[in-house]
Amino acid sequence: LTIPAIVRRADTLFRHRPVSGRRPDRSIERTTYGPVLERVRRLGVALRSLGVGSGDRVATLAWASQEHLE
């Protein structure tokens, strides 16, 4: 099971399912998996253009938010 496989499956089966997250100001942001997955793809392209390659590690430190999911 790889990240690309998970993203493809989520896009196929859950594109219109809701995703919600709490912002640091305690407000709730709601969207669907479709826009989240599109941003995931764009982030992957950006990381590749910065020289991040297969097998490299990238870490995040963030609130449990949609940006952290991405």
Protein backbone atom coordinates (compact mmCIF):
# COMPACT_ATOMS: atom_id res chain seq x y z
CA LEU A 1 0.00 0.00 0.00
CA THR A 2 1.58 3.24 -1.14
CA ILE A 3 0.60 6.89 -0.82
CA PRO A 4 -0.21 7.18 -4.56
CA ALA A 5 -2.49 4.11 -4.28
CA ILE A 6 -4.26 5.60 -1.26
CA VAL A 7 -4.74 8.92 -3.07
CA ARG A 8 -6.10 7.22 -6.22
CA ARG A 9 -8.54 5.12 -4.20
CA ALA A 10 -9.74 8.08 -2.15
CA ASP A 11 -10.21 10.08 -5.35
CA THR A 12 -12.19 7.26 -6.96
CA LEU A 13 -14.40 6.33 -4.01
CA PHE A 14 -14.55 9.35 -1.71
CA ARG A 15 -14.05 12.45 -3.89
CA HIS A 16 -17.33 14.00 -2.74
CA ARG A 17 -17.18 12.88 0.91
CA PRO A 18 -16.80 15.63 3.49
CA VAL A 19 -13.61 16.43 5.35
CA SER A 20 -13.56 18.82 8.26
CA GLY A 21 -10.86 20.19 10.50
CA ARG A 22 -10.47 22.64 13.33
CA ARG A 23 -8.35 25.74 12.77
CA PRO A 24 -6.05 27.16 15.47
CA ASP A 25 -8.65 29.85 16.15
CA ARG A 26 -11.09 26.98 16.96
CA SER A 27 -13.25 27.60 13.86
CA ILE A 28 -14.19 24.57 11.75
CA GLU A 29 -13.24 24.33 8.09
CA ARG A 30 -15.23 22.01 5.84
CA THR A 31 -14.52 20.76 2.34
CA THR A 32 -14.51 17.45 0.44
CA TYR A 33 -11.71 15.05 -0.43
CA GLY A 34 -11.66 16.28 -4.05
CA PRO A 35 -10.06 19.67 -3.37
CA VAL A 36 -7.80 18.20 -0.67
CA LEU A 37 -6.49 15.55 -3.07
CA GLU A 38 -5.91 18.17 -5.77
CA ARG A 39 -3.74 20.15 -3.33
CA VAL A 40 -1.94 16.90 -2.39
CA ARG A 41 -1.04 16.37 -6.04
CA ARG A 42 0.15 19.97 -6.43
CA LEU A 43 2.28 19.62 -3.29
CA GLY A 44 3.88 16.48 -4.71
CA VAL A 45 4.78 18.30 -7.92
CA ALA A 46 6.21 21.22 -5.93
CA LEU A 47 8.32 18.91 -3.76
CA ARG A 48 9.66 17.12 -6.85
CA SER A 49 10.55 20.48 -8.42
CA LEU A 50 12.51 21.33 -5.25
CA GLY A 51 14.56 18.16 -5.64
CA VAL A 52 12.76 15.85 -3.21
CA GLY A 53 13.07 12.38 -4.66
CA SER A 54 11.75 8.88 -4.10
CA GLY A 55 12.85 7.61 -0.70
CA ASP A 56 13.52 11.09 0.71
CA ARG A 57 11.78 12.01 3.94
CA VAL A 58 9.72 15.12 4.49
CA ALA A 59 8.30 15.97 7.90
CA THR A 60 5.64 18.38 9.07
CA LEU A 61 4.81 19.94 12.38
CA ALA A 62 1.36 21.46 12.36
CA TRP A 63 -2.07 21.50 13.95
CA ALA A 64 -4.32 18.60 12.96
CA SER A 65 -5.69 20.49 9.98
CA GLN A 66 -6.38 19.98 6.30
CA GLU A 67 -2.94 21.39 5.51
CA HIS A 68 -1.36 18.78 7.76
CA LEU A 69 -3.40 16.04 6.10
CA GLU A 70 -2.10 17.24 2.76
